[in-house]
């Protein structure tokens, strides 16, 4: 198994590609959080809910937060 830092980087790239494939008109934002949560757990990583995730707005740290975890 490669060193943990490379495992994390490679896994992050996989998560990014998987989540980008979910992005399309009328897609629900929680699909991205659910996907990240599922992928992380499957590889032995944990999501920290206190770290909000990503924002997609017209300015840095704008509205429309994408959570990295499943919010029911």
N, C-alpha and C. Protein backbone atom coordinates (compact mmCIF):
# COMPACT_ATOMS: atom_id res chain seq x y z
N UNK A 1 0.85 -1.18 0.00
CA UNK A 1 0.00 0.00 0.00
C UNK A 1 0.90 1.24 0.00
N UNK A 2 0.56 2.25 -0.82
CA UNK A 2 1.37 3.47 -0.86
C UNK A 2 1.27 4.24 0.45
N UNK A 3 2.23 5.17 0.68
CA UNK A 3 2.15 5.98 1.90
C UNK A 3 0.79 6.65 2.02
N UNK A 4 0.36 6.90 3.26
CA UNK A 4 -0.99 7.43 3.51
C UNK A 4 -1.25 8.74 2.81
N UNK A 5 -0.26 9.62 2.70
CA UNK A 5 -0.52 10.92 2.06
C UNK A 5 -0.86 10.73 0.59
N UNK A 6 -0.22 9.76 -0.07
CA UNK A 6 -0.55 9.51 -1.48
C UNK A 6 -1.90 8.83 -1.61
N UNK A 7 -2.23 7.99 -0.66
CA UNK A 7 -3.54 7.34 -0.64
C UNK A 7 -4.64 8.39 -0.50
N UNK A 8 -4.42 9.36 0.37
CA UNK A 8 -5.39 10.45 0.56
C UNK A 8 -5.51 11.29 -0.71
N UNK A 9 -4.40 11.65 -1.31
CA UNK A 9 -4.44 12.47 -2.53
C UNK A 9 -5.15 11.74 -3.67
N UNK A 10 -4.82 10.49 -3.87
CA UNK A 10 -5.45 9.70 -4.93
C UNK A 10 -6.95 9.54 -4.67
N UNK A 11 -7.29 9.28 -3.42
CA UNK A 11 -8.70 9.13 -3.06
C UNK A 11 -9.45 10.43 -3.28
N UNK A 12 -8.84 11.56 -2.92
CA UNK A 12 -9.48 12.87 -3.11
C UNK A 12 -9.75 13.13 -4.58
N UNK A 13 -8.81 12.75 -5.43
CA UNK A 13 -9.01 12.91 -6.87
C UNK A 13 -10.18 12.04 -7.35
N UNK A 14 -10.28 10.85 -6.84
CA UNK A 14 -11.40 9.98 -7.20
C UNK A 14 -12.73 10.59 -6.74
N UNK A 15 -12.76 11.13 -5.53
CA UNK A 15 -13.98 11.76 -5.00
C UNK A 15 -14.39 12.93 -5.87
N UNK A 16 -13.41 13.75 -6.25
CA UNK A 16 -13.69 14.91 -7.08
C UNK A 16 -14.33 14.48 -8.40
N UNK A 17 -13.72 13.51 -9.06
CA UNK A 17 -14.25 13.06 -10.35
C UNK A 17 -15.66 12.48 -10.21
N UNK A 18 -15.88 11.73 -9.16
CA UNK A 18 -17.21 11.14 -8.93
C UNK A 18 -18.25 12.23 -8.68
N UNK A 19 -17.89 13.22 -7.88
CA UNK A 19 -18.85 14.29 -7.55
C UNK A 19 -19.11 15.21 -8.73
N UNK A 20 -18.09 15.48 -9.53
CA UNK A 20 -18.30 16.30 -10.73
C UNK A 20 -19.27 15.60 -11.67
N UNK A 21 -19.21 14.28 -11.73
CA UNK A 21 -20.12 13.54 -12.61
C UNK A 21 -21.58 13.67 -12.15
N UNK A 22 -21.80 14.03 -10.89
CA UNK A 22 -23.16 14.21 -10.37
C UNK A 22 -23.74 15.59 -10.69
N UNK A 23 -22.88 16.51 -11.08
CA UNK A 23 -23.31 17.90 -11.30
C UNK A 23 -23.99 18.05 -12.65
N UNK A 24 -25.25 18.42 -12.59
CA UNK A 24 -26.06 18.65 -13.79
C UNK A 24 -27.27 19.48 -13.38
N UNK A 25 -27.94 20.04 -14.34
CA UNK A 25 -29.13 20.84 -13.99
C UNK A 25 -30.13 20.02 -13.17
N UNK A 26 -30.69 20.66 -12.18
CA UNK A 26 -31.72 20.08 -11.30
C UNK A 26 -31.22 18.96 -10.39
N UNK A 27 -29.91 18.76 -10.32
CA UNK A 27 -29.37 17.77 -9.37
C UNK A 27 -29.48 18.34 -7.97
N UNK A 28 -29.77 17.49 -7.01
CA UNK A 28 -29.87 17.95 -5.63
C UNK A 28 -28.49 18.02 -5.00
N UNK A 29 -28.26 19.08 -4.23
CA UNK A 29 -26.96 19.28 -3.60
C UNK A 29 -26.61 18.15 -2.65
N UNK A 30 -27.60 17.57 -1.98
CA UNK A 30 -27.29 16.53 -1.01
C UNK A 30 -26.73 15.27 -1.67
N UNK A 31 -26.91 15.11 -2.97
CA UNK A 31 -26.33 13.97 -3.67
C UNK A 31 -24.81 14.02 -3.59
N UNK A 32 -24.24 15.21 -3.63
CA UNK A 32 -22.79 15.37 -3.56
C UNK A 32 -22.30 14.99 -2.16
N UNK A 33 -22.97 15.52 -1.13
CA UNK A 33 -22.60 15.18 0.24
C UNK A 33 -22.74 13.70 0.53
N UNK A 34 -23.81 13.11 0.05
CA UNK A 34 -24.01 11.68 0.24
C UNK A 34 -22.91 10.87 -0.44
N UNK A 35 -22.52 11.30 -1.64
CA UNK A 35 -21.48 10.61 -2.39
C UNK A 35 -20.14 10.70 -1.66
N UNK A 36 -19.78 11.90 -1.20
CA UNK A 36 -18.52 12.08 -0.49
C UNK A 36 -18.51 11.24 0.78
N UNK A 37 -19.59 11.27 1.51
CA UNK A 37 -19.69 10.50 2.75
C UNK A 37 -19.51 9.01 2.48
N UNK A 38 -20.18 8.50 1.48
CA UNK A 38 -20.11 7.07 1.13
C UNK A 38 -18.68 6.69 0.70
N UNK A 39 -18.08 7.51 -0.16
CA UNK A 39 -16.74 7.21 -0.65
C UNK A 39 -15.71 7.25 0.48
N UNK A 40 -15.83 8.23 1.36
CA UNK A 40 -14.89 8.34 2.49
C UNK A 40 -14.98 7.12 3.39
N UNK A 41 -16.18 6.77 3.77
CA UNK A 41 -16.35 5.61 4.66
C UNK A 41 -15.82 4.34 4.01
N UNK A 42 -16.01 4.22 2.70
CA UNK A 42 -15.54 3.03 1.99
C UNK A 42 -14.03 2.90 1.95
N UNK A 43 -13.32 4.01 2.12
CA UNK A 43 -11.85 3.97 2.09
C UNK A 43 -11.24 4.18 3.46
N UNK A 44 -12.08 4.22 4.49
CA UNK A 44 -11.55 4.34 5.85
C UNK A 44 -11.28 5.76 6.30
N UNK A 45 -11.81 6.75 5.59
CA UNK A 45 -11.67 8.14 6.00
C UNK A 45 -12.93 8.58 6.73
N UNK A 46 -12.83 9.72 7.39
CA UNK A 46 -13.97 10.29 8.10
C UNK A 46 -14.20 11.71 7.62
N UNK A 47 -15.46 12.11 7.60
CA UNK A 47 -15.84 13.47 7.25
C UNK A 47 -16.06 14.24 8.54
N UNK A 48 -15.55 15.45 8.61
CA UNK A 48 -15.70 16.29 9.79
C UNK A 48 -16.78 17.32 9.50
N UNK A 49 -17.98 17.15 10.07
CA UNK A 49 -19.09 18.07 9.77
C UNK A 49 -18.81 19.53 10.10
N UNK A 50 -17.91 19.80 11.05
CA UNK A 50 -17.61 21.19 11.40
C UNK A 50 -16.91 21.93 10.26
N UNK A 51 -16.28 21.19 9.36
CA UNK A 51 -15.67 21.79 8.18
C UNK A 51 -16.72 21.75 7.08
N UNK A 52 -17.35 22.85 6.85
CA UNK A 52 -18.57 22.93 6.04
C UNK A 52 -18.48 22.24 4.68
N UNK A 53 -17.47 22.46 3.92
CA UNK A 53 -17.40 21.88 2.58
C UNK A 53 -17.11 22.93 1.55
N UNK A 54 -17.86 22.96 0.50
CA UNK A 54 -17.61 23.86 -0.63
C UNK A 54 -18.75 24.85 -0.78
N UNK A 55 -18.42 26.00 -1.31
CA UNK A 55 -19.45 26.98 -1.65
C UNK A 55 -19.44 27.17 -3.15
N UNK A 56 -20.58 27.35 -3.74
CA UNK A 56 -20.66 27.63 -5.17
C UNK A 56 -21.48 28.89 -5.37
N UNK A 57 -20.83 29.99 -5.37
CA UNK A 57 -21.51 31.26 -5.54
C UNK A 57 -20.71 32.16 -6.47
N UNK A 58 -21.08 33.39 -6.53
CA UNK A 58 -20.38 34.33 -7.41
C UNK A 58 -19.20 34.98 -6.71
N UNK A 59 -19.00 34.69 -5.41
CA UNK A 59 -17.86 35.24 -4.69
C UNK A 59 -17.37 34.21 -3.68
N UNK A 60 -16.12 34.36 -3.26
CA UNK A 60 -15.51 33.41 -2.34
C UNK A 60 -16.29 33.34 -1.03
N UNK A 61 -16.54 32.15 -0.56
CA UNK A 61 -17.29 31.89 0.66
C UNK A 61 -18.71 32.46 0.58
N UNK A 62 -19.28 32.38 -0.59
CA UNK A 62 -20.65 32.85 -0.78
C UNK A 62 -21.66 31.81 -0.34
N UNK A 63 -22.87 32.03 -0.74
CA UNK A 63 -23.96 31.11 -0.36
C UNK A 63 -23.93 29.84 -1.19
N UNK A 64 -24.88 29.01 -0.96
CA UNK A 64 -25.04 27.69 -1.58
C UNK A 64 -23.91 26.76 -1.14
N UNK A 65 -23.94 26.39 0.10
CA UNK A 65 -22.93 25.50 0.64
C UNK A 65 -23.20 24.06 0.23
N UNK A 66 -22.15 23.36 -0.16
CA UNK A 66 -22.22 21.94 -0.47
C UNK A 66 -21.56 21.21 0.69
N UNK A 67 -22.33 20.49 1.46
CA UNK A 67 -21.80 19.79 2.62
C UNK A 67 -21.09 18.51 2.19
N UNK A 68 -20.03 18.16 2.94
CA UNK A 68 -19.27 16.95 2.66
C UNK A 68 -19.80 15.75 3.43
N UNK A 69 -21.02 15.86 3.90
CA UNK A 69 -21.61 14.76 4.66
C UNK A 69 -23.09 14.71 4.37
N UNK A 70 -23.68 13.62 4.73
CA UNK A 70 -25.11 13.43 4.51
C UNK A 70 -25.90 14.18 5.57
N UNK A 71 -26.74 15.09 5.15
CA UNK A 71 -27.60 15.83 6.07
C UNK A 71 -29.02 15.40 5.81
N UNK A 72 -29.60 14.72 6.75
CA UNK A 72 -30.95 14.19 6.55
C UNK A 72 -32.00 15.17 6.94
